[in-house]
Amino acid sequence: MTDGQLRDGVYRALRRFTQEQPPTCQVDSITALIRRGVRIDWPASDRLPCA
């Protein structure tokens, strides 16, 4: 995966999760963490609809 593809994927995931346009610095920061192999825990329970 290229850097551009990873960054695009991070952008789309953040946009879907937050329902807003994510700040560029946040996209870049998370992309860099992923590239370094840092595990990112993202609690999503408050964002998921109730079944």
Protein backbone atom coordinates (compact mmCIF):
# COMPACT_ATOMS: atom_id res chain seq x y z
CA MET A 1 0.00 0.00 0.00
CA THR A 2 1.38 3.39 -0.94
CA ASP A 3 1.48 6.34 1.45
CA GLY A 4 -1.24 8.03 -0.59
CA GLN A 5 -3.53 5.00 -0.41
CA LEU A 6 -3.02 4.69 3.34
CA ARG A 7 -3.65 8.38 3.90
CA ASP A 8 -6.80 8.22 1.76
CA GLY A 9 -8.04 5.22 3.73
CA VAL A 10 -7.42 6.97 7.04
CA TYR A 11 -9.22 10.07 5.77
CA ARG A 12 -12.25 8.07 4.64
CA ALA A 13 -12.40 6.12 7.90
CA LEU A 14 -12.22 9.28 10.01
CA ARG A 15 -14.82 11.00 7.87
CA ARG A 16 -17.21 8.05 8.17
CA PHE A 17 -16.61 7.69 11.92
CA THR A 18 -16.94 11.37 12.86
CA GLN A 19 -19.40 12.40 10.12
CA GLU A 20 -17.17 15.47 9.64
CA GLN A 21 -14.18 16.42 7.54
CA PRO A 22 -11.15 15.41 9.61
CA PRO A 23 -8.33 17.91 10.12
CA THR A 24 -5.30 17.28 7.90
CA CYS A 25 -3.01 17.12 10.95
CA GLN A 26 -5.13 14.31 12.46
CA VAL A 27 -5.07 12.30 9.22
CA ASP A 28 -1.31 12.75 8.91
CA SER A 29 -0.71 11.84 12.56
CA ILE A 30 -2.74 8.64 12.42
CA THR A 31 -1.18 7.69 9.08
CA ALA A 32 2.31 8.10 10.57
CA LEU A 33 1.38 5.98 13.60
CA ILE A 34 0.10 3.20 11.36
CA ARG A 35 3.27 3.33 9.24
CA ARG A 36 5.37 2.94 12.44
CA GLY A 37 3.28 -0.06 13.49
CA VAL A 38 1.72 1.60 16.54
CA ARG A 39 -1.55 0.00 17.62
CA ILE A 40 -4.43 2.45 17.62
CA ASP A 41 -7.32 1.69 19.97
CA TRP A 42 -10.44 3.56 18.97
CA PRO A 43 -13.46 3.02 21.21
CA ALA A 44 -16.45 3.18 18.92
CA SER A 45 -19.23 1.97 21.18
CA ASP A 46 -20.73 5.45 21.61
CA ARG A 47 -20.79 5.93 17.81
CA LEU A 48 -22.48 2.66 16.89
CA PRO A 49 -26.26 2.56 16.52
CA CYS A 50 -28.20 0.42 18.97
CA ALA A 51 -29.45 -2.85 17.56
